[in-house]
C-alpha atoms as a PDB file:
ATOM      1  CA  UNK A   1      68.033 -80.375 -65.014  1.00  0.00           C
ATOM      2  CA  UNK A   2      68.554 -76.595 -65.148  1.00  0.00           C
ATOM      3  CA  UNK A   3      71.814 -75.761 -63.386  1.00  0.00           C
ATOM      4  CA  UNK A   4      72.204 -72.431 -61.645  1.00  0.00           C
ATOM      5  CA  UNK A   5      74.478 -70.602 -64.051  1.00  0.00           C
ATOM      6  CA  UNK A   6      74.590 -67.004 -65.138  1.00  0.00           C
ATOM      7  CA  UNK A   7      72.660 -66.450 -68.349  1.00  0.00           C
ATOM      8  CA  UNK A   8      74.137 -64.533 -71.288  1.00  0.00           C
ATOM      9  CA  UNK A   9      72.313 -63.437 -74.434  1.00  0.00           C
ATOM     10  CA  UNK A  10      74.265 -64.082 -77.645  1.00  0.00           C
ATOM     11  CA  UNK A  11      73.888 -62.331 -81.001  1.00  0.00           C
ATOM     12  CA  UNK A  12      74.629 -63.687 -84.472  1.00  0.00           C
ATOM     13  CA  UNK A  13      78.111 -62.177 -84.866  1.00  0.00           C
ATOM     14  CA  UNK A  14      79.453 -63.951 -81.781  1.00  0.00           C
ATOM     15  CA  UNK A  15      77.825 -67.238 -82.829  1.00  0.00           C
ATOM     16  CA  UNK A  16      79.508 -67.106 -86.214  1.00  0.00           C
ATOM     17  CA  UNK A  17      82.895 -66.249 -84.656  1.00  0.00           C
ATOM     18  CA  UNK A  18      82.664 -69.179 -82.241  1.00  0.00           C
ATOM     19  CA  UNK A  19      81.630 -71.547 -85.024  1.00  0.00           C
ATOM     20  CA  UNK A  20      84.476 -70.360 -87.272  1.00  0.00           C
ATOM     21  CA  UNK A  21      86.912 -70.752 -84.383  1.00  0.00           C
ATOM     22  CA  UNK A  22      85.789 -74.363 -83.936  1.00  0.00           C
ATOM     23  CA  UNK A  23      85.056 -73.899 -80.235  1.00  0.00           C
ATOM     24  CA  UNK A  24      81.261 -74.174 -79.868  1.00  0.00           C
ATOM     25  CA  UNK A  25      81.369 -77.261 -77.673  1.00  0.00           C
ATOM     26  CA  UNK A  26      84.127 -75.806 -75.511  1.00  0.00           C
ATOM     27  CA  UNK A  27      82.120 -72.601 -75.005  1.00  0.00           C
ATOM     28  CA  UNK A  28      79.177 -74.641 -73.753  1.00  0.00           C
ATOM     29  CA  UNK A  29      81.437 -75.909 -70.934  1.00  0.00           C
ATOM     30  CA  UNK A  30      81.778 -72.405 -69.480  1.00  0.00           C
ATOM     31  CA  UNK A  31      79.751 -71.689 -66.318  1.00  0.00           C
ATOM     32  CA  UNK A  32      77.057 -69.851 -68.270  1.00  0.00           C
ATOM     33  CA  UNK A  33      73.812 -70.565 -70.078  1.00  0.00           C
ATOM     34  CA  UNK A  34      74.050 -69.073 -73.574  1.00  0.00           C
ATOM     35  CA  UNK A  35      70.637 -67.839 -74.704  1.00  0.00           C
ATOM     36  CA  UNK A  36      69.881 -67.322 -78.389  1.00  0.00           C
ATOM     37  CA  UNK A  37      66.754 -65.369 -79.282  1.00  0.00           C
ATOM     38  CA  UNK A  38      64.427 -67.579 -81.315  1.00  0.00           C
ATOM     39  CA  UNK A  39      64.200 -64.963 -84.075  1.00  0.00           C
ATOM     40  CA  UNK A  40      67.986 -65.123 -84.565  1.00  0.00           C
ATOM     41  CA  UNK A  41      67.872 -68.912 -84.672  1.00  0.00           C
ATOM     42  CA  UNK A  42      65.024 -68.860 -87.180  1.00  0.00           C
ATOM     43  CA  UNK A  43      66.112 -66.016 -89.448  1.00  0.00           C
ATOM     44  CA  UNK A  44      69.856 -65.479 -89.198  1.00  0.00           C
ATOM     45  CA  UNK A  45      71.564 -68.734 -88.308  1.00  0.00           C
ATOM     46  CA  UNK A  46      71.104 -70.635 -91.533  1.00  0.00           C
ATOM     47  CA  UNK A  47      74.710 -71.346 -92.552  1.00  0.00           C
ATOM     48  CA  UNK A  48      75.664 -72.971 -90.259  1.00  0.00           C
ATOM     49  CA  UNK A  49      72.141 -74.008 -89.317  1.00  0.00           C
ATOM     50  CA  UNK A  50      70.584 -73.137 -85.968  1.00  0.00           C
ATOM     51  CA  UNK A  51      70.764 -76.764 -84.849  1.00  0.00           C
ATOM     52  CA  UNK A  52      74.555 -76.485 -84.838  1.00  0.00           C
ATOM     53  CA  UNK A  53      74.238 -74.105 -81.886  1.00  0.00           C
ATOM     54  CA  UNK A  54      71.405 -75.784 -80.009  1.00  0.00           C
ATOM     55  CA  UNK A  55      73.132 -79.166 -80.398  1.00  0.00           C
ATOM     56  CA  UNK A  56      76.252 -77.605 -78.842  1.00  0.00           C
ATOM     57  CA  UNK A  57      74.237 -76.550 -75.791  1.00  0.00           C
ATOM     58  CA  UNK A  58      73.041 -73.054 -76.631  1.00  0.00           C
ATOM     59  CA  UNK A  59      69.477 -72.437 -75.452  1.00  0.00           C
ATOM     60  CA  UNK A  60      66.612 -71.120 -77.582  1.00  0.00           C
ATOM     61  CA  UNK A  61      64.964 -68.136 -75.885  1.00  0.00           C
ATOM     62  CA  UNK A  62      61.507 -66.868 -76.645  1.00  0.00           C
ATOM     63  CA  UNK A  63      60.462 -63.281 -76.134  1.00  0.00           C
ATOM     64  CA  UNK A  64      57.909 -62.173 -73.542  1.00  0.00           C
ATOM     65  CA  UNK A  65      55.271 -59.505 -74.057  1.00  0.00           C
ATOM     66  CA  UNK A  66      57.300 -57.064 -71.976  1.00  0.00           C
ATOM     67  CA  UNK A  67      60.380 -57.801 -74.083  1.00  0.00           C
ATOM     68  CA  UNK A  68      58.367 -57.086 -77.236  1.00  0.00           C
ATOM     69  CA  UNK A  69      57.401 -53.735 -75.722  1.00  0.00           C
ATOM     70  CA  UNK A  70      61.078 -53.014 -74.952  1.00  0.00           C
ATOM     71  CA  UNK A  71      61.964 -54.096 -78.506  1.00  0.00           C
ATOM     72  CA  UNK A  72      59.535 -51.521 -79.929  1.00  0.00           C
ATOM     73  CA  UNK A  73      61.039 -48.802 -77.732  1.00  0.00           C
ATOM     74  CA  UNK A  74      64.565 -49.774 -78.790  1.00  0.00           C
ATOM     75  CA  UNK A  75      63.556 -49.887 -82.481  1.00  0.00           C
ATOM     76  CA  UNK A  76      62.177 -46.360 -82.240  1.00  0.00           C
ATOM     77  CA  UNK A  77      65.294 -45.123 -80.432  1.00  0.00           C
ATOM     78  CA  UNK A  78      68.026 -46.801 -82.492  1.00  0.00           C
ATOM     79  CA  UNK A  79      67.969 -46.943 -86.256  1.00  0.00           C
ATOM     80  CA  UNK A  80      71.253 -48.749 -86.794  1.00  0.00           C
ATOM     81  CA  UNK A  81      71.223 -52.202 -85.171  1.00  0.00           C
ATOM     82  CA  UNK A  82      68.970 -54.581 -87.071  1.00  0.00           C
ATOM     83  CA  UNK A  83      65.608 -55.457 -85.528  1.00  0.00           C
ATOM     84  CA  UNK A  84      66.852 -59.023 -84.963  1.00  0.00           C
ATOM     85  CA  UNK A  85      69.896 -57.710 -83.099  1.00  0.00           C
ATOM     86  CA  UNK A  86      67.609 -55.561 -80.985  1.00  0.00           C
ATOM     87  CA  UNK A  87      65.755 -58.722 -79.902  1.00  0.00           C
ATOM     88  CA  UNK A  88      68.957 -59.804 -78.145  1.00  0.00           C
ATOM     89  CA  UNK A  89      69.286 -56.394 -76.483  1.00  0.00           C
ATOM     90  CA  UNK A  90      65.620 -56.378 -75.428  1.00  0.00           C
ATOM     91  CA  UNK A  91      65.998 -59.768 -73.750  1.00  0.00           C
ATOM     92  CA  UNK A  92      69.253 -58.771 -72.036  1.00  0.00           C
ATOM     93  CA  UNK A  93      67.782 -55.472 -70.836  1.00  0.00           C
ATOM     94  CA  UNK A  94      64.511 -56.979 -69.625  1.00  0.00           C
ATOM     95  CA  UNK A  95      66.169 -59.827 -67.704  1.00  0.00           C
ATOM     96  CA  UNK A  96      69.233 -57.932 -66.469  1.00  0.00           C
ATOM     97  CA  UNK A  97      71.610 -60.198 -68.418  1.00  0.00           C
ATOM     98  CA  UNK A  98      74.944 -59.663 -70.123  1.00  0.00           C
ATOM     99  CA  UNK A  99      74.806 -59.281 -73.903  1.00  0.00           C
ATOM    100  CA  UNK A 100      77.478 -60.901 -76.083  1.00  0.00           C
ATOM    101  CA  UNK A 101      77.854 -59.052 -79.356  1.00  0.00           C
ATOM    102  CA  UNK A 102      80.478 -58.066 -81.871  1.00  0.00           C
ATOM    103  CA  UNK A 103      78.166 -55.659 -83.700  1.00  0.00           C
ATOM    104  CA  UNK A 104      79.423 -52.090 -83.198  1.00  0.00           C
ATOM    105  CA  UNK A 105      75.974 -50.490 -83.347  1.00  0.00           C
ATOM    106  CA  UNK A 106      74.392 -53.035 -81.025  1.00  0.00           C
ATOM    107  CA  UNK A 107      77.235 -52.680 -78.530  1.00  0.00           C
ATOM    108  CA  UNK A 108      76.810 -48.901 -78.603  1.00  0.00           C
ATOM    109  CA  UNK A 109      73.048 -49.190 -78.014  1.00  0.00           C
ATOM    110  CA  UNK A 110      73.640 -51.670 -75.163  1.00  0.00           C
ATOM    111  CA  UNK A 111      76.022 -49.278 -73.446  1.00  0.00           C
ATOM    112  CA  UNK A 112      73.499 -46.435 -73.774  1.00  0.00           C
ATOM    113  CA  UNK A 113      70.855 -48.722 -72.257  1.00  0.00           C
ATOM    114  CA  UNK A 114      73.252 -49.619 -69.415  1.00  0.00           C
ATOM    115  CA  UNK A 115      73.374 -53.280 -70.449  1.00  0.00           C
ATOM    116  CA  UNK A 116      76.720 -54.968 -69.816  1.00  0.00           C
ATOM    117  CA  UNK A 117      78.175 -56.115 -73.126  1.00  0.00           C
ATOM    118  CA  UNK A 118      81.151 -58.283 -74.043  1.00  0.00           C
ATOM    119  CA  UNK A 119      82.341 -59.943 -77.227  1.00  0.00           C
ATOM    120  CA  UNK A 120      84.177 -62.875 -78.725  1.00  0.00           C
ATOM    121  CA  UNK A 121      87.560 -62.026 -77.217  1.00  0.00           C
ATOM    122  CA  UNK A 122      85.991 -61.954 -73.746  1.00  0.00           C
ATOM    123  CA  UNK A 123      84.708 -65.490 -74.340  1.00  0.00           C
ATOM    124  CA  UNK A 124      88.182 -66.621 -75.391  1.00  0.00           C
ATOM    125  CA  UNK A 125      89.580 -65.040 -72.218  1.00  0.00           C
ATOM    126  CA  UNK A 126      86.977 -66.950 -70.181  1.00  0.00           C
ATOM    127  CA  UNK A 127      87.853 -70.245 -71.871  1.00  0.00           C
ATOM    128  CA  UNK A 128      91.532 -69.769 -71.030  1.00  0.00           C
ATOM    129  CA  UNK A 129      90.833 -68.573 -67.467  1.00  0.00           C
ATOM    130  CA  UNK A 130      88.611 -71.609 -66.799  1.00  0.00           C
ATOM    131  CA  UNK A 131      91.295 -73.916 -68.302  1.00  0.00           C
ATOM    132  CA  UNK A 132      88.769 -75.273 -70.813  1.00  0.00           C
ATOM    133  CA  UNK A 133      91.221 -74.595 -73.641  1.00  0.00           C
ATOM    134  CA  UNK A 134      94.936 -73.845 -73.625  1.00  0.00           C
ATOM    135  CA  UNK A 135      96.382 -70.501 -74.608  1.00  0.00           C
ATOM    136  CA  UNK A 136      97.698 -72.135 -77.765  1.00  0.00           C
ATOM    137  CA  UNK A 137      94.222 -73.429 -78.644  1.00  0.00           C
ATOM    138  CA  UNK A 138      92.757 -69.960 -77.985  1.00  0.00           C
ATOM    139  CA  UNK A 139      95.323 -68.416 -80.361  1.00  0.00           C
ATOM    140  CA  UNK A 140      94.468 -70.990 -83.034  1.00  0.00           C
ATOM    141  CA  UNK A 141      90.714 -70.364 -82.607  1.00  0.00           C
ATOM    142  CA  UNK A 142      91.259 -66.594 -82.857  1.00  0.00           C
ATOM    143  CA  UNK A 143      93.386 -67.020 -85.981  1.00  0.00           C
ATOM    144  CA  UNK A 144      90.635 -69.144 -87.577  1.00  0.00           C
ATOM    145  CA  UNK A 145      88.032 -66.501 -86.724  1.00  0.00           C
ATOM    146  CA  UNK A 146      90.159 -63.769 -88.277  1.00  0.00           C
ATOM    147  CA  UNK A 147      90.807 -65.878 -91.401  1.00  0.00           C
ATOM    148  CA  UNK A 148      87.032 -66.295 -91.757  1.00  0.00           C
ATOM    149  CA  UNK A 149      86.556 -62.514 -91.664  1.00  0.00           C
ATOM    150  CA  UNK A 150      85.707 -61.805 -88.023  1.00  0.00           C
ATOM    151  CA  UNK A 151      85.534 -58.096 -87.291  1.00  0.00           C
ATOM    152  CA  UNK A 152      87.378 -57.944 -83.995  1.00  0.00           C
ATOM    153  CA  UNK A 153      89.461 -55.109 -82.507  1.00  0.00           C
ATOM    154  CA  UNK A 154      92.954 -55.334 -84.028  1.00  0.00           C
ATOM    155  CA  UNK A 155      94.787 -54.198 -80.906  1.00  0.00           C
ATOM    156  CA  UNK A 156      93.033 -56.733 -78.659  1.00  0.00           C
ATOM    157  CA  UNK A 157      93.588 -59.525 -81.190  1.00  0.00           C
ATOM    158  CA  UNK A 158      97.301 -58.757 -81.476  1.00  0.00           C
ATOM    159  CA  UNK A 159      97.614 -58.553 -77.702  1.00  0.00           C
ATOM    160  CA  UNK A 160      95.980 -61.967 -77.215  1.00  0.00           C
ATOM    161  CA  UNK A 161      97.893 -63.613 -80.059  1.00  0.00           C
ATOM    162  CA  UNK A 162     101.191 -62.358 -78.622  1.00  0.00           C
ATOM    163  CA  UNK A 163     100.320 -63.592 -75.123  1.00  0.00           C
ATOM    164  CA  UNK A 164      98.849 -66.932 -76.177  1.00  0.00           C
ATOM    165  CA  UNK A 165     101.368 -68.114 -78.771  1.00  0.00           C
END
């Protein structure tokens, strides 16, 4: 049964952060449907494999003809985000959804396209606000992400670690 929840489009960088933080299953408990473009599942999420995310409750999202048209427009306009990243933006733009991305170039393009964009730290904030994980667990997840090489804003990370410890 498809519950009425807000849909969010997720890119690879956020997926990897959440996996490295060990919180995939907790994220799926948030009041959102997390959509992953099928091209990202097929081409980018190989280690860990795509099934890791779909098994945790993330939803595979195909791309409509209109979204392919938007993708072509975005590809012509922005040279920096990868084509696969632009799939996520095209879906978010077409459907009026929030984009979750940690990629600097994709976030910049989303803002120019007037698509609301958030990142990994926003998800951690949501998990704490919804009491799905404790502040201590959020700090531990963030530390694990940073140890694994997550590229997150230093000032926001330090702020959260100070508050959550």
